[in-house]
Each structure stands twice: as structure tokens, then as C-alpha cells.
C-alpha atoms as a PDB file:
ATOM      1  CA  MET A   1       9.066  18.178  -7.960  1.00  0.00           C
ATOM      2  CA  ASP A   2      13.061  19.332 -10.253  1.00  0.00           C
ATOM      3  CA  ARG A   3      12.985  21.955  -7.530  1.00  0.00           C
ATOM      4  CA  VAL A   4      13.199  20.157  -4.177  1.00  0.00           C
ATOM      5  CA  MET A   5      16.835  18.739  -2.831  1.00  0.00           C
ATOM      6  CA  ILE A   6      16.120  17.243  -0.028  1.00  0.00           C
ATOM      7  CA  GLU A   7      13.165  15.292   1.209  1.00  0.00           C
ATOM      8  CA  ALA A   8      12.034  13.056   4.240  1.00  0.00           C
ATOM      9  CA  GLU A   9       8.987  11.717   5.022  1.00  0.00           C
ATOM     10  CA  ASP A  10       8.412  10.687   9.201  1.00  0.00           C
ATOM     11  CA  LEU A  11      12.451  10.591   9.576  1.00  0.00           C
ATOM     12  CA  VAL A  12      13.575   9.100  12.569  1.00  0.00           C
ATOM     13  CA  VAL A  13      17.475   8.841  12.907  1.00  0.00           C
ATOM     14  CA  ALA A  14      18.353   6.191  15.669  1.00  0.00           C
ATOM     15  CA  PRO A  15      22.015   5.625  15.171  1.00  0.00           C
ATOM     16  CA  GLY A  16      22.996   2.330  17.547  1.00  0.00           C
ATOM     17  CA  GLY A  17      18.809   1.918  17.516  1.00  0.00           C
ATOM     18  CA  ARG A  18      18.455   5.054  20.328  1.00  0.00           C
ATOM     19  CA  ALA A  19      16.788   8.316  18.134  1.00  0.00           C
ATOM     20  CA  ARG A  20      18.333  10.842  18.718  1.00  0.00           C
ATOM     21  CA  MET A  21      15.850  13.101  16.750  1.00  0.00           C
ATOM     22  CA  GLY A  22      12.772  12.456  14.754  1.00  0.00           C
ATOM     23  CA  PRO A  23       9.717  12.113  13.610  1.00  0.00           C
ATOM     24  CA  ALA A  24      10.761  14.769  10.785  1.00  0.00           C
ATOM     25  CA  THR A  25       8.503  15.028   7.419  1.00  0.00           C
ATOM     26  CA  PHE A  26      10.378  18.212   5.278  1.00  0.00           C
ATOM     27  CA  THR A  27      10.973  19.489   1.850  1.00  0.00           C
ATOM     28  CA  VAL A  28      13.764  21.484   0.770  1.00  0.00           C
ATOM     29  CA  GLU A  29      13.683  23.811  -2.209  1.00  0.00           C
ATOM     30  CA  LYS A  30      17.155  24.163  -5.311  1.00  0.00           C
ATOM     31  CA  GLY A  31      18.930  27.552  -4.177  1.00  0.00           C
ATOM     32  CA  SER A  32      17.304  27.436  -0.132  1.00  0.00           C
ATOM     33  CA  ILE A  33      18.764  28.510   2.835  1.00  0.00           C
ATOM     34  CA  VAL A  34      17.881  26.755   5.658  1.00  0.00           C
ATOM     35  CA  VAL A  35      18.433  26.859   9.379  1.00  0.00           C
ATOM     36  CA  ILE A  36      18.394  24.005  11.917  1.00  0.00           C
ATOM     37  CA  ALA A  37      17.322  25.928  15.606  1.00  0.00           C
ATOM     38  CA  GLY A  38      16.905  23.819  18.634  1.00  0.00           C
ATOM     39  CA  PRO A  39      18.467  22.825  22.134  1.00  0.00           C
ATOM     40  CA  ASN A  40      21.322  20.743  22.791  1.00  0.00           C
ATOM     41  CA  GLY A  41      21.082  17.868  21.970  1.00  0.00           C
ATOM     42  CA  ALA A  42      18.068  17.611  20.017  1.00  0.00           C
ATOM     43  CA  GLY A  43      19.787  15.551  17.012  1.00  0.00           C
ATOM     44  CA  LYS A  44      20.371  19.035  14.766  1.00  0.00           C
ATOM     45  CA  THR A  45      24.484  17.667  13.359  1.00  0.00           C
ATOM     46  CA  THR A  46      22.632  14.397  13.226  1.00  0.00           C
ATOM     47  CA  LEU A  47      19.884  15.276  11.217  1.00  0.00           C
ATOM     48  CA  LEU A  48      23.133  16.513   9.230  1.00  0.00           C
ATOM     49  CA  LYS A  49      25.057  13.670   8.772  1.00  0.00           C
ATOM     50  CA  ALA A  50      22.271  12.344   8.084  1.00  0.00           C
ATOM     51  CA  ILE A  51      21.483  14.434   5.114  1.00  0.00           C
ATOM     52  CA  ALA A  52      25.343  13.957   4.296  1.00  0.00           C
ATOM     53  CA  GLY A  53      24.597   9.768   4.775  1.00  0.00           C
ATOM     54  CA  LEU A  54      27.470   9.827   7.435  1.00  0.00           C
ATOM     55  CA  VAL A  55      25.304   7.831  10.400  1.00  0.00           C
ATOM     56  CA  GLY A  56      23.204   4.988  10.171  1.00  0.00           C
ATOM     57  CA  GLY A  57      19.739   3.864  11.812  1.00  0.00           C
ATOM     58  CA  VAL A  58      18.028   6.062   9.038  1.00  0.00           C
ATOM     59  CA  ARG A  59      14.096   4.892   9.147  1.00  0.00           C
ATOM     60  CA  GLY A  60      11.533   6.317   7.183  1.00  0.00           C
ATOM     61  CA  ARG A  61      11.947   8.126   3.925  1.00  0.00           C
ATOM     62  CA  LEU A  62      14.896  10.759   3.347  1.00  0.00           C
ATOM     63  CA  VAL A  63      15.496  11.652  -0.456  1.00  0.00           C
ATOM     64  CA  VAL A  64      18.897  13.572  -1.364  1.00  0.00           C
ATOM     65  CA  ARG A  65      19.505  14.748  -4.757  1.00  0.00           C
ATOM     66  CA  GLY A  66      22.238  16.205  -5.797  1.00  0.00           C
ATOM     67  CA  THR A  67      25.825  16.170  -3.211  1.00  0.00           C
ATOM     68  CA  PRO A  68      26.138  17.078  -0.174  1.00  0.00           C
ATOM     69  CA  THR A  69      28.881  17.854   1.798  1.00  0.00           C
ATOM     70  CA  TYR A  70      29.064  18.264   6.184  1.00  0.00           C
ATOM     71  CA  ILE A  71      30.958  20.996   7.677  1.00  0.00           C
ATOM     72  CA  PRO A  72      31.447  20.276  10.909  1.00  0.00           C
ATOM     73  CA  GLN A  73      31.153  22.832  14.187  1.00  0.00           C
ATOM     74  CA  SER A  74      34.694  22.231  14.470  1.00  0.00           C
ATOM     75  CA  ASP A  75      37.024  23.120  11.682  1.00  0.00           C
ATOM     76  CA  MET A  76      38.885  19.510  11.158  1.00  0.00           C
ATOM     77  CA  LEU A  77      41.649  21.676   9.861  1.00  0.00           C
ATOM     78  CA  LEU A  78      45.374  19.929   9.589  1.00  0.00           C
ATOM     79  CA  PRO A  79      47.437  22.203  11.333  1.00  0.00           C
ATOM     80  CA  TRP A  80      50.740  21.161   9.805  1.00  0.00           C
ATOM     81  CA  LYS A  81      48.972  22.092   6.423  1.00  0.00           C
ATOM     82  CA  THR A  82      48.605  25.700   4.872  1.00  0.00           C
ATOM     83  CA  LEU A  83      44.822  26.191   4.667  1.00  0.00           C
ATOM     84  CA  LEU A  84      45.352  26.109   0.642  1.00  0.00           C
ATOM     85  CA  ASP A  85      46.702  22.623   1.119  1.00  0.00           C
ATOM     86  CA  ASN A  86      43.961  21.451   3.819  1.00  0.00           C
ATOM     87  CA  ILE A  87      40.856  22.770   0.877  1.00  0.00           C
ATOM     88  CA  ILE A  88      42.824  20.459  -1.853  1.00  0.00           C
ATOM     89  CA  LEU A  89      43.323  17.291   0.470  1.00  0.00           C
ATOM     90  CA  PRO A  90      39.809  15.303   0.302  1.00  0.00           C
ATOM     91  CA  LEU A  91      40.574  16.495  -3.961  1.00  0.00           C
ATOM     92  CA  ARG A  92      44.330  14.273  -3.806  1.00  0.00           C
ATOM     93  CA  VAL A  93      42.786  11.675  -1.528  1.00  0.00           C
ATOM     94  CA  ARG A  94      40.282  11.144  -4.367  1.00  0.00           C
ATOM     95  CA  GLY A  95      43.310  11.549  -7.029  1.00  0.00           C
ATOM     96  CA  THR A  96      42.699  15.060  -8.512  1.00  0.00           C
ATOM     97  CA  PRO A  97      46.385  16.014 -10.149  1.00  0.00           C
ATOM     98  CA  ARG A  98      47.711  18.581  -7.952  1.00  0.00           C
ATOM     99  CA  GLU A  99      47.773  21.394 -10.223  1.00  0.00           C
ATOM    100  CA  GLU A 100      43.604  21.316 -11.391  1.00  0.00           C
ATOM    101  CA  ALA A 101      43.353  20.883  -7.994  1.00  0.00           C
ATOM    102  CA  VAL A 102      44.950  24.058  -6.997  1.00  0.00           C
ATOM    103  CA  GLU A 103      43.312  25.443  -9.216  1.00  0.00           C
ATOM    104  CA  ARG A 104      40.003  24.911  -8.005  1.00  0.00           C
ATOM    105  CA  ALA A 105      41.033  25.602  -4.583  1.00  0.00           C
ATOM    106  CA  LYS A 106      42.322  29.301  -6.199  1.00  0.00           C
ATOM    107  CA  ARG A 107      38.647  29.836  -7.696  1.00  0.00           C
ATOM    108  CA  VAL A 108      37.212  29.021  -5.047  1.00  0.00           C
ATOM    109  CA  ALA A 109      38.901  31.225  -2.445  1.00  0.00           C
ATOM    110  CA  ARG A 110      38.287  34.461  -4.955  1.00  0.00           C
ATOM    111  CA  LEU A 111      34.813  33.647  -4.728  1.00  0.00           C
ATOM    112  CA  LEU A 112      35.394  33.284  -0.143  1.00  0.00           C
ATOM    113  CA  GLY A 113      38.243  35.855  -0.604  1.00  0.00           C
ATOM    114  CA  LEU A 114      40.362  34.142   0.788  1.00  0.00           C
ATOM    115  CA  GLU A 115      43.794  34.521  -1.908  1.00  0.00           C
ATOM    116  CA  GLU A 116      45.494  36.452   0.380  1.00  0.00           C
ATOM    117  CA  HIS A 117      45.443  33.782   3.031  1.00  0.00           C
ATOM    118  CA  LEU A 118      45.793  30.586   1.964  1.00  0.00           C
ATOM    119  CA  GLY A 119      49.529  30.363   2.683  1.00  0.00           C
ATOM    120  CA  LYS A 120      48.456  30.710   6.104  1.00  0.00           C
ATOM    121  CA  TYR A 121      48.758  28.010   8.796  1.00  0.00           C
ATOM    122  CA  PRO A 122      45.462  27.321  10.969  1.00  0.00           C
ATOM    123  CA  ARG A 123      46.884  28.386  13.663  1.00  0.00           C
ATOM    124  CA  HIS A 124      47.646  32.004  11.927  1.00  0.00           C
ATOM    125  CA  ALA A 125      44.295  32.227  10.794  1.00  0.00           C
ATOM    126  CA  SER A 126      41.267  33.955  12.780  1.00  0.00           C
ATOM    127  CA  GLY A 127      38.353  32.057  13.348  1.00  0.00           C
ATOM    128  CA  GLY A 128      36.383  33.509  10.324  1.00  0.00           C
ATOM    129  CA  THR A 129      39.006  32.726   7.811  1.00  0.00           C
ATOM    130  CA  ARG A 130      39.501  29.008   8.851  1.00  0.00           C
ATOM    131  CA  ARG A 131      35.228  28.443   8.667  1.00  0.00           C
ATOM    132  CA  LYS A 132      35.718  29.644   4.874  1.00  0.00           C
ATOM    133  CA  ALA A 133      38.405  27.211   4.025  1.00  0.00           C
ATOM    134  CA  SER A 134      36.035  24.804   6.167  1.00  0.00           C
ATOM    135  CA  VAL A 135      33.685  25.830   3.335  1.00  0.00           C
ATOM    136  CA  ALA A 136      35.687  26.198   0.379  1.00  0.00           C
ATOM    137  CA  ARG A 137      37.152  22.325   1.338  1.00  0.00           C
ATOM    138  CA  GLY A 138      33.472  21.532   0.681  1.00  0.00           C
ATOM    139  CA  LEU A 139      32.714  23.449  -2.095  1.00  0.00           C
ATOM    140  CA  VAL A 140      35.506  22.474  -4.518  1.00  0.00           C
ATOM    141  CA  MET A 141      34.371  19.210  -4.012  1.00  0.00           C
ATOM    142  CA  GLY A 142      31.635  19.798  -5.960  1.00  0.00           C
ATOM    143  CA  ALA A 143      28.931  19.649  -3.610  1.00  0.00           C
ATOM    144  CA  ASP A 144      25.014  21.207  -4.437  1.00  0.00           C
ATOM    145  CA  ILE A 145      24.113  20.783  -1.031  1.00  0.00           C
ATOM    146  CA  LEU A 146      26.127  22.204   1.881  1.00  0.00           C
ATOM    147  CA  LEU A 147      25.776  21.430   5.440  1.00  0.00           C
ATOM    148  CA  LEU A 148      26.721  23.396   7.991  1.00  0.00           C
ATOM    149  CA  ASP A 149      26.714  22.235  11.860  1.00  0.00           C
ATOM    150  CA  GLU A 150      27.242  25.999  13.383  1.00  0.00           C
ATOM    151  CA  PRO A 151      29.363  27.788  11.048  1.00  0.00           C
ATOM    152  CA  PHE A 152      28.878  30.745  13.737  1.00  0.00           C
ATOM    153  CA  SER A 153      30.691  28.980  16.003  1.00  0.00           C
ATOM    154  CA  GLY A 154      34.166  30.928  17.270  1.00  0.00           C
ATOM    155  CA  VAL A 155      33.986  33.498  14.994  1.00  0.00           C
ATOM    156  CA  ASP A 156      33.729  37.140  15.727  1.00  0.00           C
ATOM    157  CA  VAL A 157      30.996  39.640  14.970  1.00  0.00           C
ATOM    158  CA  ALA A 158      32.544  40.988  11.850  1.00  0.00           C
ATOM    159  CA  GLY A 159      33.809  37.521  10.644  1.00  0.00           C
ATOM    160  CA  LYS A 160      29.480  36.141  11.041  1.00  0.00           C
ATOM    161  CA  ALA A 161      28.686  38.812   9.142  1.00  0.00           C
ATOM    162  CA  ALA A 162      31.132  38.352   6.390  1.00  0.00           C
ATOM    163  CA  LEU A 163      29.633  34.717   6.388  1.00  0.00           C
ATOM    164  CA  ILE A 164      26.497  35.893   5.918  1.00  0.00           C
ATOM    165  CA  ASP A 165      27.303  37.492   3.693  1.00  0.00           C
ATOM    166  CA  MET A 166      29.589  35.115   2.256  1.00  0.00           C
ATOM    167  CA  LEU A 167      26.703  31.659   1.962  1.00  0.00           C
ATOM    168  CA  ALA A 168      23.950  33.942   0.863  1.00  0.00           C
ATOM    169  CA  GLY A 169      26.401  35.193  -2.426  1.00  0.00           C
ATOM    170  CA  LEU A 170      26.965  31.155  -3.061  1.00  0.00           C
ATOM    171  CA  VAL A 171      23.257  30.644  -3.767  1.00  0.00           C
ATOM    172  CA  ILE A 172      23.246  31.488  -7.800  1.00  0.00           C
ATOM    173  CA  GLY A 173      19.601  31.618  -9.858  1.00  0.00           C
ATOM    174  CA  GLY A 174      18.893  27.918  -7.475  1.00  0.00           C
ATOM    175  CA  ILE A 175      22.150  26.366  -6.849  1.00  0.00           C
ATOM    176  CA  LEU A 176      24.824  26.866  -4.988  1.00  0.00           C
ATOM    177  CA  TYR A 177      27.990  27.611  -6.883  1.00  0.00           C
ATOM    178  CA  SER A 178      30.527  24.975  -7.723  1.00  0.00           C
ATOM    179  CA  PRO A 179      34.479  25.309  -9.322  1.00  0.00           C
ATOM    180  CA  ARG A 180      32.162  22.857 -12.324  1.00  0.00           C
ATOM    181  CA  TYR A 181      30.556  26.090 -13.298  1.00  0.00           C
ATOM    182  CA  THR A 182      33.224  28.495 -14.906  1.00  0.00           C
ATOM    183  CA  ARG A 183      31.491  31.920 -14.068  1.00  0.00           C
ATOM    184  CA  PRO A 184      31.585  33.578 -10.642  1.00  0.00           C
ATOM    185  CA  PRO A 185      28.802  34.641  -9.323  1.00  0.00           C
ATOM    186  CA  PRO A 186      27.141  38.352  -9.468  1.00  0.00           C
ATOM    187  CA  SER A 187      27.069  40.598  -6.884  1.00  0.00           C
ATOM    188  CA  LEU A 188      24.431  40.469  -4.346  1.00  0.00           C
END
């Protein structure tokens, strides 16, 4: 049971009273990479938002052990901020001193191969680089559950391969790499 990060039993998500997905029963173990597939409107995004605690109307049993972060389909990067400032934004909102936030962002950027892009604005970055910046923003928050909605949307074939490698490399010894851990992950 201590390896289970997410448990759902007879889960129905009905924000506003209208069922958008379910019922579903599943468990997700620590260190897993899970893909949710289905047609448009099947409730994939609604499920991710429910796990992240972003929608109401959750019925049944849903237990999340860990800190989830939801990364939406669109990058939602502020165009007037550099990738670095976009990555550290949630830390700054939480009151983290800028120097500490920048150090955490640089550690994650090094892991994701983003170091050379931190000074760029989103419009000057490729789709894959913008997606990595969105993932970095989730990781700097110390999340140990990443919920990526359509992670390959708008990313070219080479970018998709790089993102798959990057995501697979984040899972280390049953935990998701996070700036809370000081050792970088081993090469896979």
C-alpha cells in the first residue's frame, strides 16, 4: 500500500452536477508512467484536474498521496517573461526569495536540457522547449506527481522523442526527481 500514489474507486467527476467522466476504479504506483487514452470529450482532462484538486463534483473515493501538479495542454507561459521567470513564477508567488527560486530553476533546467534557453522569451523558443519549461515549472514546486495534459501537442517528432526521454528519466528509484533532492538522476 505504501507504493500506491493514487487510488480511485467508483470515481465519478461531475463538476456543476453533470458527469464528465467515470465511474473509474484504478491505482497508480510510485514510479509509474501512466497514459490515459480516449476520444475527445471522454474526460481525460477532467480526470487529471480532479486528481490535482482543481475541479469539484468528485464522487466515489479518490486518494492522492503526494504533491500533484497539473500541466495543461497549452503552455500558459507569460509572453512578456523569460522562460526562467515563467519557471520561477509559482515559487515567487509563494514568497520564495528570487535567488533560491533561480537556483532551483537552474537545477531543473540542467536536468531538462533547458539551461541555454532560460533567457529566451516563449515566442523565441520551440514547442518542445516551451513544453519542457512548463514541466520545469511543475518540478520546481516540488511535485512528485506530474499530470501532463496532451504533453506532445504542438511538438515535432524530434521534440516528442526528447520529451519521452526526459519524462522517463525523471522517474528514479520509485520517486519523481524534484529540486528537493540534491542528487541528479543517473543516465538511463
